[in-house]
């Protein structure tokens, strides 16, 4: 891919002898792990409560000493809501053990293919769970496949393919539930990568059987694209990661996904130009309109300052970005200073 596209792409810092036994439980240290305490029916009820409309609270009734009479609906909702949080948090925590099992196995397999591979794991945040349930109204919480998720980033798309083969040829006891290959069939958004969803299965730790864990396999370029989408989405306050936001931003990232697919010689992104020249021309048009280069430079500068030694005793930041003056104002704030104001 030529320099025309490269000049628009941010410099993204990447986060994060074959043996099938690496996916077994014996590699985990002995410690207390949360186990599921609630039936799936109760878990699904908890998910519904997370989305339930909050009944209004009548402050005037409270001032008259009538809060238990005038606000019965609100109090009933609050009781159910906090009960739901306990159920949801137990469901989330219960995925930690199987997640660790899969992450250990993924790390070992990825390192065999690419010694510089990066892996990471996470339990889905409560806010992300709520957002996903709102996006997919027919989904129940127990159906959500990525409560526990881990990721491997290898150098190339070919490395991702080899990692997929490693799992396909293994004799894991865990059950492959679903495979989503977004490299062979990219999303319209430009997202590319492979998702392997497994159901945990073990004769020794049966409490966790059937819990689903998602593994995301990406090349460095695929991860750079995804990181850029999340970074820009955070700064412009749009859910670009979920294909929600300004159409021009969504189109720009679809085009960039197509450009990276060109470079990796993989399947094209649907709805993008099939010719290189036409693709670069449209990328340039959107990059100019959105001021992509200056925005990404400003976002990167803000993040670099956040990670610098100057931010050691800082608890949060107020960031002002002026693209016209190419000026970034960072106002570090400490909790102590904010309390004194």
C-alpha atoms as a PDB file:
ATOM      1  CA  UNK A   1       0.000   0.000   0.000  1.00  0.00           C
ATOM      2  CA  UNK A   2       1.382   3.359  -0.960  1.00  0.00           C
ATOM      3  CA  UNK A   3       2.370   6.259   1.234  1.00  0.00           C
ATOM      4  CA  UNK A   4      -0.890   8.090   0.510  1.00  0.00           C
ATOM      5  CA  UNK A   5      -2.753   5.739   2.814  1.00  0.00           C
ATOM      6  CA  UNK A   6       0.117   5.241   5.270  1.00  0.00           C
ATOM      7  CA  UNK A   7       0.320   8.973   5.967  1.00  0.00           C
ATOM      8  CA  UNK A   8      -3.255   8.928   7.237  1.00  0.00           C
ATOM      9  CA  UNK A   9      -2.869   5.964   9.526  1.00  0.00           C
ATOM     10  CA  UNK A  10      -2.080   6.588  13.230  1.00  0.00           C
ATOM     11  CA  UNK A  11       0.853   5.049  14.962  1.00  0.00           C
ATOM     12  CA  UNK A  12      -0.908   2.685  17.324  1.00  0.00           C
ATOM     13  CA  UNK A  13       0.949   1.137  20.231  1.00  0.00           C
ATOM     14  CA  UNK A  14      -0.139  -2.481  20.471  1.00  0.00           C
ATOM     15  CA  UNK A  15      -1.517  -3.433  23.886  1.00  0.00           C
ATOM     16  CA  UNK A  16      -0.943  -6.419  24.610  1.00  0.00           C
ATOM     17  CA  UNK A  17       6.723 -26.881  20.878  1.00  0.00           C
ATOM     18  CA  UNK A  18       2.948 -27.362  20.484  1.00  0.00           C
ATOM     19  CA  UNK A  19       1.172 -28.992  23.443  1.00  0.00           C
ATOM     20  CA  UNK A  20      -2.605 -29.317  23.660  1.00  0.00           C
ATOM     21  CA  UNK A  21      -2.440 -29.684  27.415  1.00  0.00           C
ATOM     22  CA  UNK A  22      -1.789 -25.944  27.659  1.00  0.00           C
ATOM     23  CA  UNK A  23      -5.572 -25.458  27.532  1.00  0.00           C
ATOM     24  CA  UNK A  24      -6.172 -27.632  30.591  1.00  0.00           C
ATOM     25  CA  UNK A  25      -6.944 -26.437  34.116  1.00  0.00           C
ATOM     26  CA  UNK A  26      -3.788 -27.645  35.855  1.00  0.00           C
ATOM     27  CA  UNK A  27      -1.899 -24.498  34.874  1.00  0.00           C
ATOM     28  CA  UNK A  28      -4.146 -22.331  37.052  1.00  0.00           C
ATOM     29  CA  UNK A  29      -3.016 -21.528  40.598  1.00  0.00           C
ATOM     30  CA  UNK A  30      -5.080 -22.772  43.510  1.00  0.00           C
ATOM     31  CA  UNK A  31      -7.296 -19.931  44.680  1.00  0.00           C
ATOM     32  CA  UNK A  32     -10.909 -19.071  45.323  1.00  0.00           C
ATOM     33  CA  UNK A  33     -12.858 -18.635  42.106  1.00  0.00           C
ATOM     34  CA  UNK A  34     -16.443 -17.419  41.868  1.00  0.00           C
ATOM     35  CA  UNK A  35     -18.913 -20.023  40.637  1.00  0.00           C
ATOM     36  CA  UNK A  36     -22.376 -19.455  39.156  1.00  0.00           C
ATOM     37  CA  UNK A  37     -24.952 -19.175  41.940  1.00  0.00           C
ATOM     38  CA  UNK A  38     -28.045 -18.450  39.889  1.00  0.00           C
ATOM     39  CA  UNK A  39     -30.066 -20.297  37.270  1.00  0.00           C
ATOM     40  CA  UNK A  40     -30.003 -18.857  33.763  1.00  0.00           C
ATOM     41  CA  UNK A  41     -33.612 -17.752  34.206  1.00  0.00           C
ATOM     42  CA  UNK A  42     -32.529 -15.489  37.075  1.00  0.00           C
ATOM     43  CA  UNK A  43     -29.487 -14.302  35.109  1.00  0.00           C
ATOM     44  CA  UNK A  44     -31.769 -13.283  32.256  1.00  0.00           C
ATOM     45  CA  UNK A  45     -34.080 -11.512  34.700  1.00  0.00           C
ATOM     46  CA  UNK A  46     -31.065  -9.567  35.957  1.00  0.00           C
ATOM     47  CA  UNK A  47     -30.285  -8.491  32.404  1.00  0.00           C
ATOM     48  CA  UNK A  48     -33.843  -7.250  31.925  1.00  0.00           C
ATOM     49  CA  UNK A  49     -33.707  -5.285  35.175  1.00  0.00           C
ATOM     50  CA  UNK A  50     -30.566  -3.577  33.924  1.00  0.00           C
ATOM     51  CA  UNK A  51     -32.680  -2.090  31.130  1.00  0.00           C
ATOM     52  CA  UNK A  52     -35.834  -1.456  33.150  1.00  0.00           C
ATOM     53  CA  UNK A  53     -37.212   2.073  33.140  1.00  0.00           C
ATOM     54  CA  UNK A  54     -36.605   3.896  36.422  1.00  0.00           C
ATOM     55  CA  UNK A  55     -39.887   5.015  38.043  1.00  0.00           C
ATOM     56  CA  UNK A  56     -39.882   8.726  38.902  1.00  0.00           C
ATOM     57  CA  UNK A  57     -39.091   9.743  42.469  1.00  0.00           C
ATOM     58  CA  UNK A  58     -41.463  12.297  44.002  1.00  0.00           C
ATOM     59  CA  UNK A  59     -39.223  14.565  46.056  1.00  0.00           C
ATOM     60  CA  UNK A  60     -42.171  16.613  47.281  1.00  0.00           C
ATOM     61  CA  UNK A  61     -43.706  13.484  48.789  1.00  0.00           C
ATOM     62  CA  UNK A  62     -40.386  12.722  50.462  1.00  0.00           C
ATOM     63  CA  UNK A  63     -40.285  16.224  51.951  1.00  0.00           C
ATOM     64  CA  UNK A  64     -43.781  15.667  53.347  1.00  0.00           C
ATOM     65  CA  UNK A  65     -42.608  12.433  54.916  1.00  0.00           C
ATOM     66  CA  UNK A  66     -44.671  10.367  52.487  1.00  0.00           C
ATOM     67  CA  UNK A  67     -41.864   8.765  50.483  1.00  0.00           C
ATOM     68  CA  UNK A  68     -42.976   5.215  51.259  1.00  0.00           C
ATOM     69  CA  UNK A  69     -46.474   6.046  50.068  1.00  0.00           C
ATOM     70  CA  UNK A  70     -45.770   8.265  47.096  1.00  0.00           C
ATOM     71  CA  UNK A  71     -42.643   6.447  45.905  1.00  0.00           C
ATOM     72  CA  UNK A  72     -43.518   2.798  46.357  1.00  0.00           C
ATOM     73  CA  UNK A  73     -42.822   2.022  42.689  1.00  0.00           C
ATOM     74  CA  UNK A  74     -39.379   3.627  42.859  1.00  0.00           C
ATOM     75  CA  UNK A  75     -38.451   1.768  46.039  1.00  0.00           C
ATOM     76  CA  UNK A  76     -39.599  -1.535  44.543  1.00  0.00           C
ATOM     77  CA  UNK A  77     -37.523  -0.861  41.437  1.00  0.00           C
ATOM     78  CA  UNK A  78     -34.441  -0.001  43.522  1.00  0.00           C
ATOM     79  CA  UNK A  79     -34.746  -3.223  45.511  1.00  0.00           C
ATOM     80  CA  UNK A  80     -34.985  -5.302  42.348  1.00  0.00           C
ATOM     81  CA  UNK A  81     -32.211  -3.335  40.620  1.00  0.00           C
ATOM     82  CA  UNK A  82     -29.639  -3.963  43.359  1.00  0.00           C
ATOM     83  CA  UNK A  83     -30.656  -7.608  43.536  1.00  0.00           C
ATOM     84  CA  UNK A  84     -30.094  -7.779  39.772  1.00  0.00           C
ATOM     85  CA  UNK A  85     -26.630  -6.229  40.131  1.00  0.00           C
ATOM     86  CA  UNK A  86     -25.639  -8.990  42.572  1.00  0.00           C
ATOM     87  CA  UNK A  87     -26.801 -11.640  40.101  1.00  0.00           C
ATOM     88  CA  UNK A  88     -25.069 -10.015  37.118  1.00  0.00           C
ATOM     89  CA  UNK A  89     -21.791  -9.485  38.954  1.00  0.00           C
ATOM     90  CA  UNK A  90     -21.765 -13.108  40.076  1.00  0.00           C
ATOM     91  CA  UNK A  91     -22.382 -14.152  36.460  1.00  0.00           C
ATOM     92  CA  UNK A  92     -19.511 -11.951  35.305  1.00  0.00           C
ATOM     93  CA  UNK A  93     -17.124 -13.166  38.021  1.00  0.00           C
ATOM     94  CA  UNK A  94     -17.979 -16.792  37.295  1.00  0.00           C
ATOM     95  CA  UNK A  95     -16.353 -16.439  33.872  1.00  0.00           C
ATOM     96  CA  UNK A  96     -12.931 -15.666  35.377  1.00  0.00           C
ATOM     97  CA  UNK A  97     -11.847 -19.285  35.824  1.00  0.00           C
ATOM     98  CA  UNK A  98     -12.683 -20.512  32.318  1.00  0.00           C
ATOM     99  CA  UNK A  99     -11.337 -17.248  30.890  1.00  0.00           C
ATOM    100  CA  UNK A 100      -7.972 -17.812  32.563  1.00  0.00           C
ATOM    101  CA  UNK A 101      -7.902 -21.361  31.221  1.00  0.00           C
ATOM    102  CA  UNK A 102      -8.470 -20.212  27.651  1.00  0.00           C
ATOM    103  CA  UNK A 103      -6.094 -17.256  27.924  1.00  0.00           C
ATOM    104  CA  UNK A 104      -3.216 -19.446  29.098  1.00  0.00           C
ATOM    105  CA  UNK A 105      -3.779 -21.805  26.185  1.00  0.00           C
ATOM    106  CA  UNK A 106      -4.123 -18.960  23.686  1.00  0.00           C
ATOM    107  CA  UNK A 107      -0.907 -17.330  24.867  1.00  0.00           C
ATOM    108  CA  UNK A 108       1.103 -20.536  24.472  1.00  0.00           C
ATOM    109  CA  UNK A 109      -0.275 -21.276  21.020  1.00  0.00           C
ATOM    110  CA  UNK A 110       0.220 -17.695  19.802  1.00  0.00           C
ATOM    111  CA  UNK A 111       3.834 -17.585  21.032  1.00  0.00           C
ATOM    112  CA  UNK A 112       4.640 -20.724  19.048  1.00  0.00           C
ATOM    113  CA  UNK A 113       3.455 -19.021  15.855  1.00  0.00           C
ATOM    114  CA  UNK A 114       4.808 -15.558  16.682  1.00  0.00           C
ATOM    115  CA  UNK A 115       7.223 -15.196  19.635  1.00  0.00           C
ATOM    116  CA  UNK A 116       6.307 -11.484  19.797  1.00  0.00           C
ATOM    117  CA  UNK A 117       2.577 -12.157  19.938  1.00  0.00           C
ATOM    118  CA  UNK A 118       0.598 -10.113  22.454  1.00  0.00           C
ATOM    119  CA  UNK A 119      -2.330 -11.503  24.408  1.00  0.00           C
ATOM    120  CA  UNK A 120      -4.803 -10.017  26.857  1.00  0.00           C
ATOM    121  CA  UNK A 121      -8.005 -10.922  28.657  1.00  0.00           C
ATOM    122  CA  UNK A 122     -10.953  -9.068  30.158  1.00  0.00           C
ATOM    123  CA  UNK A 123     -14.353  -9.544  31.765  1.00  0.00           C
ATOM    124  CA  UNK A 124     -17.014  -7.450  30.035  1.00  0.00           C
ATOM    125  CA  UNK A 125     -17.833  -4.268  31.945  1.00  0.00           C
ATOM    126  CA  UNK A 126     -21.338  -3.680  33.281  1.00  0.00           C
ATOM    127  CA  UNK A 127     -21.808  -0.613  31.058  1.00  0.00           C
ATOM    128  CA  UNK A 128     -20.794  -2.630  27.983  1.00  0.00           C
ATOM    129  CA  UNK A 129     -23.229  -5.393  28.905  1.00  0.00           C
ATOM    130  CA  UNK A 130     -26.058  -2.880  29.213  1.00  0.00           C
ATOM    131  CA  UNK A 131     -25.168  -1.230  25.891  1.00  0.00           C
ATOM    132  CA  UNK A 132     -25.085  -4.572  24.074  1.00  0.00           C
ATOM    133  CA  UNK A 133     -28.441  -5.664  25.508  1.00  0.00           C
ATOM    134  CA  UNK A 134     -29.926  -2.379  24.293  1.00  0.00           C
ATOM    135  CA  UNK A 135     -28.461  -2.852  20.809  1.00  0.00           C
ATOM    136  CA  UNK A 136     -29.831  -6.390  20.572  1.00  0.00           C
ATOM    137  CA  UNK A 137     -33.279  -6.375  22.231  1.00  0.00           C
ATOM    138  CA  UNK A 138     -33.905 -10.089  21.603  1.00  0.00           C
ATOM    139  CA  UNK A 139     -30.640 -11.153  23.268  1.00  0.00           C
ATOM    140  CA  UNK A 140     -30.714 -12.468  26.840  1.00  0.00           C
ATOM    141  CA  UNK A 141     -27.787 -12.070  29.225  1.00  0.00           C
ATOM    142  CA  UNK A 142     -27.093 -15.812  29.386  1.00  0.00           C
ATOM    143  CA  UNK A 143     -26.840 -15.860  25.567  1.00  0.00           C
ATOM    144  CA  UNK A 144     -24.118 -13.206  25.467  1.00  0.00           C
ATOM    145  CA  UNK A 145     -20.990 -14.878  24.097  1.00  0.00           C
ATOM    146  CA  UNK A 146     -18.302 -12.432  25.186  1.00  0.00           C
ATOM    147  CA  UNK A 147     -18.787 -11.944  28.929  1.00  0.00           C
ATOM    148  CA  UNK A 148     -15.309 -13.419  29.165  1.00  0.00           C
ATOM    149  CA  UNK A 149     -12.975 -12.587  26.297  1.00  0.00           C
ATOM    150  CA  UNK A 150      -9.297 -12.941  25.429  1.00  0.00           C
ATOM    151  CA  UNK A 151      -7.326 -11.773  22.422  1.00  0.00           C
ATOM    152  CA  UNK A 152      -4.153 -12.632  20.555  1.00  0.00           C
ATOM    153  CA  UNK A 153      -2.358 -10.221  18.231  1.00  0.00           C
ATOM    154  CA  UNK A 154       0.153 -11.785  15.852  1.00  0.00           C
ATOM    155  CA  UNK A 155       2.230 -10.123  13.165  1.00  0.00           C
ATOM    156  CA  UNK A 156       0.328 -11.129  10.027  1.00  0.00           C
ATOM    157  CA  UNK A 157      -2.985 -12.370   8.678  1.00  0.00           C
ATOM    158  CA  UNK A 158      -1.163 -15.596   7.761  1.00  0.00           C
ATOM    159  CA  UNK A 159      -0.248 -15.957  11.424  1.00  0.00           C
ATOM    160  CA  UNK A 160      -3.928 -15.622  12.358  1.00  0.00           C
ATOM    161  CA  UNK A 161      -4.737 -18.421   9.903  1.00  0.00           C
ATOM    162  CA  UNK A 162      -2.073 -20.653  11.478  1.00  0.00           C
ATOM    163  CA  UNK A 163      -3.470 -19.945  14.933  1.00  0.00           C
ATOM    164  CA  UNK A 164      -6.931 -20.968  13.718  1.00  0.00           C
ATOM    165  CA  UNK A 165      -5.436 -24.182  12.328  1.00  0.00           C
ATOM    166  CA  UNK A 166      -3.790 -24.867  15.688  1.00  0.00           C
ATOM    167  CA  UNK A 167      -7.188 -24.888  17.362  1.00  0.00           C
ATOM    168  CA  UNK A 168      -8.899 -26.796  14.534  1.00  0.00           C
ATOM    169  CA  UNK A 169      -6.320 -29.607  14.775  1.00  0.00           C
ATOM    170  CA  UNK A 170      -6.306 -29.791  18.578  1.00  0.00           C
ATOM    171  CA  UNK A 171      -8.076 -32.310  20.790  1.00  0.00           C
ATOM    172  CA  UNK A 172      -9.597 -29.819  23.225  1.00  0.00           C
ATOM    173  CA  UNK A 173     -12.316 -31.102  25.498  1.00  0.00           C
ATOM    174  CA  UNK A 174     -13.952 -27.699  25.341  1.00  0.00           C
ATOM    175  CA  UNK A 175     -16.723 -27.417  22.773  1.00  0.00           C
ATOM    176  CA  UNK A 176     -16.397 -25.081  19.803  1.00  0.00           C
ATOM    177  CA  UNK A 177     -19.704 -23.203  19.761  1.00  0.00           C
ATOM    178  CA  UNK A 178     -19.189 -20.816  16.861  1.00  0.00           C
ATOM    179  CA  UNK A 179     -16.556 -19.429  14.511  1.00  0.00           C
ATOM    180  CA  UNK A 180     -16.848 -15.953  12.993  1.00  0.00           C
ATOM    181  CA  UNK A 181     -14.173 -15.358  10.359  1.00  0.00           C
ATOM    182  CA  UNK A 182     -14.247 -11.644   9.605  1.00  0.00           C
ATOM    183  CA  UNK A 183     -11.040 -11.870   7.581  1.00  0.00           C
ATOM    184  CA  UNK A 184     -12.606 -14.056   4.897  1.00  0.00           C
ATOM    185  CA  UNK A 185     -15.906 -12.152   5.217  1.00  0.00           C
ATOM    186  CA  UNK A 186     -15.166  -8.674   6.627  1.00  0.00           C
ATOM    187  CA  UNK A 187     -17.895  -6.635   8.287  1.00  0.00           C
ATOM    188  CA  UNK A 188     -19.327  -3.660   6.412  1.00  0.00           C
ATOM    189  CA  UNK A 189     -17.701  -1.466   9.065  1.00  0.00           C
ATOM    190  CA  UNK A 190     -14.224  -2.588   7.960  1.00  0.00           C
ATOM    191  CA  UNK A 191     -13.666  -4.779  11.018  1.00  0.00           C
ATOM    192  CA  UNK A 192     -11.528  -7.860  10.370  1.00  0.00           C
ATOM    193  CA  UNK A 193     -10.376 -10.666  12.629  1.00  0.00           C
ATOM    194  CA  UNK A 194     -11.414 -14.165  13.691  1.00  0.00           C
ATOM    195  CA  UNK A 195     -13.635 -14.916  16.695  1.00  0.00           C
ATOM    196  CA  UNK A 196     -13.670 -18.403  18.205  1.00  0.00           C
ATOM    197  CA  UNK A 197     -16.431 -18.971  20.765  1.00  0.00           C
ATOM    198  CA  UNK A 198     -15.999 -22.012  22.978  1.00  0.00           C
ATOM    199  CA  UNK A 199     -18.173 -23.595  25.647  1.00  0.00           C
ATOM    200  CA  UNK A 200     -16.033 -24.534  28.628  1.00  0.00           C
ATOM    201  CA  UNK A 201     -16.081 -28.239  29.469  1.00  0.00           C
ATOM    202  CA  UNK A 202     -14.195 -30.081  32.196  1.00  0.00           C
ATOM    203  CA  UNK A 203     -14.731 -33.248  34.189  1.00  0.00           C
ATOM    204  CA  UNK A 204     -13.037 -31.680  37.209  1.00  0.00           C
ATOM    205  CA  UNK A 205     -14.594 -28.192  37.254  1.00  0.00           C
ATOM    206  CA  UNK A 206     -18.160 -28.916  36.245  1.00  0.00           C
ATOM    207  CA  UNK A 207     -19.503 -25.729  37.855  1.00  0.00           C
ATOM    208  CA  UNK A 208     -18.239 -23.850  34.808  1.00  0.00           C
ATOM    209  CA  UNK A 209     -19.399 -26.237  32.110  1.00  0.00           C
ATOM    210  CA  UNK A 210     -21.220 -24.557  29.207  1.00  0.00           C
ATOM    211  CA  UNK A 211     -19.976 -21.042  30.061  1.00  0.00           C
ATOM    212  CA  UNK A 212     -18.922 -19.341  26.829  1.00  0.00           C
ATOM    213  CA  UNK A 213     -15.579 -17.650  26.221  1.00  0.00           C
ATOM    214  CA  UNK A 214     -14.732 -15.642  23.117  1.00  0.00           C
ATOM    215  CA  UNK A 215     -11.221 -15.587  21.670  1.00  0.00           C
ATOM    216  CA  UNK A 216     -10.362 -12.818  19.194  1.00  0.00           C
ATOM    217  CA  UNK A 217      -7.468 -13.417  16.828  1.00  0.00           C
ATOM    218  CA  UNK A 218      -6.040 -10.429  14.957  1.00  0.00           C
ATOM    219  CA  UNK A 219      -3.017  -9.368  12.967  1.00  0.00           C
ATOM    220  CA  UNK A 220      -1.181  -6.201  13.979  1.00  0.00           C
ATOM    221  CA  UNK A 221      -2.840  -4.204  11.186  1.00  0.00           C
ATOM    222  CA  UNK A 222      -6.280  -5.504  12.117  1.00  0.00           C
ATOM    223  CA  UNK A 223      -5.677  -4.561  15.732  1.00  0.00           C
ATOM    224  CA  UNK A 224      -4.357  -1.127  14.763  1.00  0.00           C
ATOM    225  CA  UNK A 225      -7.598  -0.483  12.865  1.00  0.00           C
ATOM    226  CA  UNK A 226      -9.756  -1.577  15.807  1.00  0.00           C
ATOM    227  CA  UNK A 227      -7.710   0.494  18.261  1.00  0.00           C
ATOM    228  CA  UNK A 228      -8.018   3.586  16.075  1.00  0.00           C
ATOM    229  CA  UNK A 229     -11.801   3.141  15.878  1.00  0.00           C
ATOM    230  CA  UNK A 230     -12.078   2.902  19.667  1.00  0.00           C
ATOM    231  CA  UNK A 231      -9.745   5.855  20.220  1.00  0.00           C
ATOM    232  CA  UNK A 232     -11.560   8.167  17.820  1.00  0.00           C
ATOM    233  CA  UNK A 233     -14.919   6.977  19.105  1.00  0.00           C
ATOM    234  CA  UNK A 234     -13.926   7.844  22.669  1.00  0.00           C
ATOM    235  CA  UNK A 235     -12.756  11.350  21.748  1.00  0.00           C
ATOM    236  CA  UNK A 236     -15.699  12.224  19.492  1.00  0.00           C
ATOM    237  CA  UNK A 237     -18.174  10.534  21.864  1.00  0.00           C
ATOM    238  CA  UNK A 238     -19.621   8.193  19.276  1.00  0.00           C
ATOM    239  CA  UNK A 239     -20.018   4.417  19.444  1.00  0.00           C
ATOM    240  CA  UNK A 240     -18.083   3.889  16.208  1.00  0.00           C
ATOM    241  CA  UNK A 241     -17.040   0.458  17.450  1.00  0.00           C
ATOM    242  CA  UNK A 242     -20.704  -0.550  17.323  1.00  0.00           C
ATOM    243  CA  UNK A 243     -21.257   1.142  13.933  1.00  0.00           C
ATOM    244  CA  UNK A 244     -23.147   3.984  15.590  1.00  0.00           C
ATOM    245  CA  UNK A 245     -22.131   7.575  14.833  1.00  0.00           C
ATOM    246  CA  UNK A 246     -21.560  10.056  12.032  1.00  0.00           C
ATOM    247  CA  UNK A 247     -21.763   8.392   8.638  1.00  0.00           C
ATOM    248  CA  UNK A 248     -18.610  10.141   7.442  1.00  0.00           C
ATOM    249  CA  UNK A 249     -16.526   8.663  10.251  1.00  0.00           C
ATOM    250  CA  UNK A 250     -18.061   5.227   9.695  1.00  0.00           C
ATOM    251  CA  UNK A 251     -17.331   5.464   5.973  1.00  0.00           C
ATOM    252  CA  UNK A 252     -13.742   6.559   6.575  1.00  0.00           C
ATOM    253  CA  UNK A 253     -13.013   3.539   8.759  1.00  0.00           C
ATOM    254  CA  UNK A 254     -14.715   1.179   6.321  1.00  0.00           C
ATOM    255  CA  UNK A 255     -12.398   2.538   3.623  1.00  0.00           C
ATOM    256  CA  UNK A 256      -9.337   2.189   5.857  1.00  0.00           C
ATOM    257  CA  UNK A 257     -10.331  -1.388   6.622  1.00  0.00           C
ATOM    258  CA  UNK A 258     -10.448  -1.984   2.880  1.00  0.00           C
ATOM    259  CA  UNK A 259      -7.006  -0.405   2.437  1.00  0.00           C
ATOM    260  CA  UNK A 260      -5.510  -2.711   5.063  1.00  0.00           C
ATOM    261  CA  UNK A 261      -7.226  -5.694   3.439  1.00  0.00           C
ATOM    262  CA  UNK A 262      -5.472  -4.685   0.209  1.00  0.00           C
ATOM    263  CA  UNK A 263      -2.158  -4.688   2.038  1.00  0.00           C
ATOM    264  CA  UNK A 264      -2.756  -8.084   3.650  1.00  0.00           C
ATOM    265  CA  UNK A 265      -4.087  -9.535   0.392  1.00  0.00           C
ATOM    266  CA  UNK A 266      -7.300 -10.686   2.059  1.00  0.00           C
ATOM    267  CA  UNK A 267     -10.994 -10.394   1.175  1.00  0.00           C
ATOM    268  CA  UNK A 268     -12.238  -6.848   0.408  1.00  0.00           C
ATOM    269  CA  UNK A 269     -14.579  -4.933   2.676  1.00  0.00           C
ATOM    270  CA  UNK A 270     -18.134  -4.931   1.271  1.00  0.00           C
ATOM    271  CA  UNK A 271     -19.314  -1.680  -0.277  1.00  0.00           C
ATOM    272  CA  UNK A 272     -15.843  -0.203  -0.803  1.00  0.00           C
ATOM    273  CA  UNK A 273     -14.087   0.533  -4.124  1.00  0.00           C
ATOM    274  CA  UNK A 274     -12.509  -2.498  -5.734  1.00  0.00           C
ATOM    275  CA  UNK A 275      -9.783  -0.449  -7.413  1.00  0.00           C
ATOM    276  CA  UNK A 276      -6.806   0.887  -5.492  1.00  0.00           C
ATOM    277  CA  UNK A 277      -6.806   4.357  -7.082  1.00  0.00           C
ATOM    278  CA  UNK A 278     -10.496   4.893  -6.482  1.00  0.00           C
ATOM    279  CA  UNK A 279     -10.134   3.695  -2.880  1.00  0.00           C
ATOM    280  CA  UNK A 280      -7.238   6.066  -2.137  1.00  0.00           C
ATOM    281  CA  UNK A 281      -9.115   8.974  -3.729  1.00  0.00           C
ATOM    282  CA  UNK A 282     -12.151   8.462  -1.496  1.00  0.00           C
ATOM    283  CA  UNK A 283      -9.970   8.021   1.592  1.00  0.00           C
ATOM    284  CA  UNK A 284      -8.262  11.345   0.857  1.00  0.00           C
ATOM    285  CA  UNK A 285     -11.607  13.115   0.448  1.00  0.00           C
ATOM    286  CA  UNK A 286     -12.914  11.915   3.812  1.00  0.00           C
ATOM    287  CA  UNK A 287      -9.567  12.442   5.534  1.00  0.00           C
ATOM    288  CA  UNK A 288      -9.544  16.072   4.419  1.00  0.00           C
ATOM    289  CA  UNK A 289     -13.176  16.701   5.358  1.00  0.00           C
ATOM    290  CA  UNK A 290     -12.787  15.113   8.802  1.00  0.00           C
ATOM    291  CA  UNK A 291      -9.313  16.593   9.430  1.00  0.00           C
ATOM    292  CA  UNK A 292      -8.224  13.083  10.250  1.00  0.00           C
ATOM    293  CA  UNK A 293      -4.460  13.706  10.325  1.00  0.00           C
ATOM    294  CA  UNK A 294      -4.637  16.644  12.753  1.00  0.00           C
ATOM    295  CA  UNK A 295      -7.261  14.940  14.923  1.00  0.00           C
ATOM    296  CA  UNK A 296      -5.283  11.728  15.264  1.00  0.00           C
ATOM    297  CA  UNK A 297      -2.128  13.709  16.013  1.00  0.00           C
ATOM    298  CA  UNK A 298      -3.960  15.603  18.740  1.00  0.00           C
ATOM    299  CA  UNK A 299      -5.536  12.461  20.196  1.00  0.00           C
ATOM    300  CA  UNK A 300      -2.151  10.746  20.198  1.00  0.00           C
ATOM    301  CA  UNK A 301      -0.478  13.681  21.954  1.00  0.00           C
ATOM    302  CA  UNK A 302      -3.133  13.651  24.662  1.00  0.00           C
ATOM    303  CA  UNK A 303      -2.689   9.922  25.238  1.00  0.00           C
ATOM    304  CA  UNK A 304       1.120  10.203  25.296  1.00  0.00           C
ATOM    305  CA  UNK A 305       0.923  12.851  27.992  1.00  0.00           C
ATOM    306  CA  UNK A 306      -1.420  10.645  29.982  1.00  0.00           C
ATOM    307  CA  UNK A 307       1.177   7.855  29.922  1.00  0.00           C
ATOM    308  CA  UNK A 308       4.111  10.146  30.762  1.00  0.00           C
ATOM    309  CA  UNK A 309       5.860  10.513  34.116  1.00  0.00           C
ATOM    310  CA  UNK A 310       4.198  13.906  34.576  1.00  0.00           C
ATOM    311  CA  UNK A 311       0.879  12.152  35.074  1.00  0.00           C
ATOM    312  CA  UNK A 312       2.128   9.928  37.906  1.00  0.00           C
ATOM    313  CA  UNK A 313       0.127  11.647  40.659  1.00  0.00           C
ATOM    314  CA  UNK A 314      -2.770  12.697  38.453  1.00  0.00           C
ATOM    315  CA  UNK A 315      -6.158  11.059  38.811  1.00  0.00           C
ATOM    316  CA  UNK A 316      -8.041  12.446  35.857  1.00  0.00           C
ATOM    317  CA  UNK A 317      -7.689  14.916  32.965  1.00  0.00           C
ATOM    318  CA  UNK A 318      -9.674  17.663  31.350  1.00  0.00           C
ATOM    319  CA  UNK A 319      -8.563  17.737  27.713  1.00  0.00           C
ATOM    320  CA  UNK A 320      -9.166  20.610  25.292  1.00  0.00           C
ATOM    321  CA  UNK A 321      -8.168  20.058  21.679  1.00  0.00           C
ATOM    322  CA  UNK A 322      -7.956  22.936  19.215  1.00  0.00           C
ATOM    323  CA  UNK A 323      -7.374  21.638  15.696  1.00  0.00           C
ATOM    324  CA  UNK A 324      -7.131  25.067  14.075  1.00  0.00           C
ATOM    325  CA  UNK A 325      -4.277  26.202  16.302  1.00  0.00           C
ATOM    326  CA  UNK A 326      -2.732  22.750  16.443  1.00  0.00           C
ATOM    327  CA  UNK A 327      -2.828  23.289  20.161  1.00  0.00           C
ATOM    328  CA  UNK A 328      -3.591  20.753  22.876  1.00  0.00           C
ATOM    329  CA  UNK A 329      -4.376  21.939  26.377  1.00  0.00           C
ATOM    330  CA  UNK A 330      -4.118  19.336  29.105  1.00  0.00           C
ATOM    331  CA  UNK A 331      -5.325  20.131  32.567  1.00  0.00           C
ATOM    332  CA  UNK A 332      -4.256  17.416  34.967  1.00  0.00           C
ATOM    333  CA  UNK A 333      -6.393  17.285  38.077  1.00  0.00           C
ATOM    334  CA  UNK A 334      -5.739  15.422  41.291  1.00  0.00           C
ATOM    335  CA  UNK A 335      -8.477  14.196  43.582  1.00  0.00           C
ATOM    336  CA  UNK A 336      -6.988  16.310  46.368  1.00  0.00           C
ATOM    337  CA  UNK A 337      -7.087  19.494  44.280  1.00  0.00           C
ATOM    338  CA  UNK A 338     -10.617  18.846  43.109  1.00  0.00           C
ATOM    339  CA  UNK A 339     -11.775  18.496  46.716  1.00  0.00           C
ATOM    340  CA  UNK A 340     -10.212  21.801  47.679  1.00  0.00           C
ATOM    341  CA  UNK A 341     -12.226  23.713  45.090  1.00  0.00           C
END
